[in-house]
C-alpha atoms as a PDB file:
ATOM      1  CA  UNK A   1       4.721  -5.760  -3.717  1.00  0.00           C
ATOM      2  CA  UNK A   2       5.903  -1.903  -2.464  1.00  0.00           C
ATOM      3  CA  UNK A   3       3.851  -2.074   0.043  1.00  0.00           C
ATOM      4  CA  UNK A   4       3.197   0.615   2.778  1.00  0.00           C
ATOM      5  CA  UNK A   5       5.629   3.303   1.985  1.00  0.00           C
ATOM      6  CA  UNK A   6       8.472   4.396   0.162  1.00  0.00           C
ATOM      7  CA  UNK A   7      12.442   2.902   0.675  1.00  0.00           C
ATOM      8  CA  UNK A   8      13.491   3.247   4.441  1.00  0.00           C
ATOM      9  CA  UNK A   9      15.916   6.498   2.904  1.00  0.00           C
ATOM     10  CA  UNK A  10      13.094   8.846   2.368  1.00  0.00           C
ATOM     11  CA  UNK A  11      12.369   9.849   5.282  1.00  0.00           C
ATOM     12  CA  UNK A  12       8.062   9.990   6.085  1.00  0.00           C
ATOM     13  CA  UNK A  13       5.808  12.826   5.494  1.00  0.00           C
ATOM     14  CA  UNK A  14       3.587  13.920   8.384  1.00  0.00           C
ATOM     15  CA  UNK A  15       0.001  13.549   7.393  1.00  0.00           C
ATOM     16  CA  UNK A  16      -3.501  13.695   8.406  1.00  0.00           C
ATOM     17  CA  UNK A  17      -5.076  10.202   8.266  1.00  0.00           C
ATOM     18  CA  UNK A  18      -4.449   7.010   9.101  1.00  0.00           C
ATOM     19  CA  UNK A  19      -0.835   6.008   8.480  1.00  0.00           C
ATOM     20  CA  UNK A  20      -0.596   2.814   6.195  1.00  0.00           C
ATOM     21  CA  UNK A  21       0.685  -0.575   8.372  1.00  0.00           C
ATOM     22  CA  UNK A  22       2.868  -2.735   6.313  1.00  0.00           C
ATOM     23  CA  UNK A  23       3.219  -5.900   9.080  1.00  0.00           C
ATOM     24  CA  UNK A  24       0.390  -7.633   8.893  1.00  0.00           C
ATOM     25  CA  UNK A  25       0.196  -8.221   4.669  1.00  0.00           C
ATOM     26  CA  UNK A  26       3.046 -10.832   3.588  1.00  0.00           C
ATOM     27  CA  UNK A  27      -0.225 -12.919   4.299  1.00  0.00           C
ATOM     28  CA  UNK A  28      -1.603 -11.114   1.269  1.00  0.00           C
ATOM     29  CA  UNK A  29       1.298 -12.490  -1.256  1.00  0.00           C
ATOM     30  CA  UNK A  30       0.869 -13.763  -4.384  1.00  0.00           C
ATOM     31  CA  UNK A  31      -3.538 -14.072  -4.058  1.00  0.00           C
ATOM     32  CA  UNK A  32      -5.001 -13.356  -6.969  1.00  0.00           C
ATOM     33  CA  UNK A  33      -5.834  -9.802  -7.188  1.00  0.00           C
ATOM     34  CA  UNK A  34      -9.361  -9.169  -5.896  1.00  0.00           C
ATOM     35  CA  UNK A  35     -12.141  -6.448  -4.632  1.00  0.00           C
ATOM     36  CA  UNK A  36     -12.550  -8.189  -1.822  1.00  0.00           C
ATOM     37  CA  UNK A  37      -8.427  -9.011  -1.084  1.00  0.00           C
ATOM     38  CA  UNK A  38      -8.227  -5.171  -2.189  1.00  0.00           C
ATOM     39  CA  UNK A  39     -10.517  -4.928   0.450  1.00  0.00           C
ATOM     40  CA  UNK A  40      -8.981  -7.532   3.200  1.00  0.00           C
ATOM     41  CA  UNK A  41      -5.409  -5.687   2.232  1.00  0.00           C
ATOM     42  CA  UNK A  42      -6.700  -2.603   2.906  1.00  0.00           C
ATOM     43  CA  UNK A  43      -8.875  -3.772   6.746  1.00  0.00           C
ATOM     44  CA  UNK A  44      -5.061  -5.262   7.065  1.00  0.00           C
ATOM     45  CA  UNK A  45      -2.877  -2.048   6.076  1.00  0.00           C
ATOM     46  CA  UNK A  46      -5.590   0.392   8.121  1.00  0.00           C
ATOM     47  CA  UNK A  47      -5.215   2.290   5.201  1.00  0.00           C
ATOM     48  CA  UNK A  48      -6.911   4.858   4.027  1.00  0.00           C
ATOM     49  CA  UNK A  49      -7.069   3.887  -0.054  1.00  0.00           C
ATOM     50  CA  UNK A  50      -5.598   1.247  -1.835  1.00  0.00           C
ATOM     51  CA  UNK A  51      -3.405   2.159  -5.554  1.00  0.00           C
ATOM     52  CA  UNK A  52      -2.990  -1.217  -7.782  1.00  0.00           C
ATOM     53  CA  UNK A  53      -0.010  -0.319 -10.374  1.00  0.00           C
ATOM     54  CA  UNK A  54       0.714  -3.683 -12.415  1.00  0.00           C
ATOM     55  CA  UNK A  55       3.533  -4.558 -14.288  1.00  0.00           C
ATOM     56  CA  UNK A  56       5.198  -2.085 -15.797  1.00  0.00           C
ATOM     57  CA  UNK A  57       2.787   0.083 -15.103  1.00  0.00           C
ATOM     58  CA  UNK A  58       3.670   3.745 -14.364  1.00  0.00           C
ATOM     59  CA  UNK A  59       3.665   5.599 -11.276  1.00  0.00           C
ATOM     60  CA  UNK A  60       4.447   8.479  -8.836  1.00  0.00           C
ATOM     61  CA  UNK A  61       6.406   7.839  -6.809  1.00  0.00           C
ATOM     62  CA  UNK A  62       4.507  10.542  -4.606  1.00  0.00           C
ATOM     63  CA  UNK A  63       4.370   9.369  -0.964  1.00  0.00           C
ATOM     64  CA  UNK A  64       1.041   9.919   1.054  1.00  0.00           C
ATOM     65  CA  UNK A  65       1.083   7.730   4.056  1.00  0.00           C
ATOM     66  CA  UNK A  66      -2.304   6.844   4.076  1.00  0.00           C
ATOM     67  CA  UNK A  67      -2.562   5.052   0.724  1.00  0.00           C
ATOM     68  CA  UNK A  68      -1.382   1.193  -0.357  1.00  0.00           C
ATOM     69  CA  UNK A  69       0.201   0.795  -3.649  1.00  0.00           C
ATOM     70  CA  UNK A  70       0.103  -2.871  -3.821  1.00  0.00           C
ATOM     71  CA  UNK A  71       1.981  -3.990  -7.317  1.00  0.00           C
END
């Protein structure tokens, strides 16, 4: 799972909206994907949007402070 942001070497970009927090997301690791799980993760992270990524799926590397990326 990628979590809320870029690798630590990438500086954060300021945006409007709530910043995503990944401190409460460890409890979701290994759980089966579902709409309900996504809603719980959004609530726990404080993110505005959720982006799912499957194995080997190409994704843009753009950083959004209000988006939770789950891979």
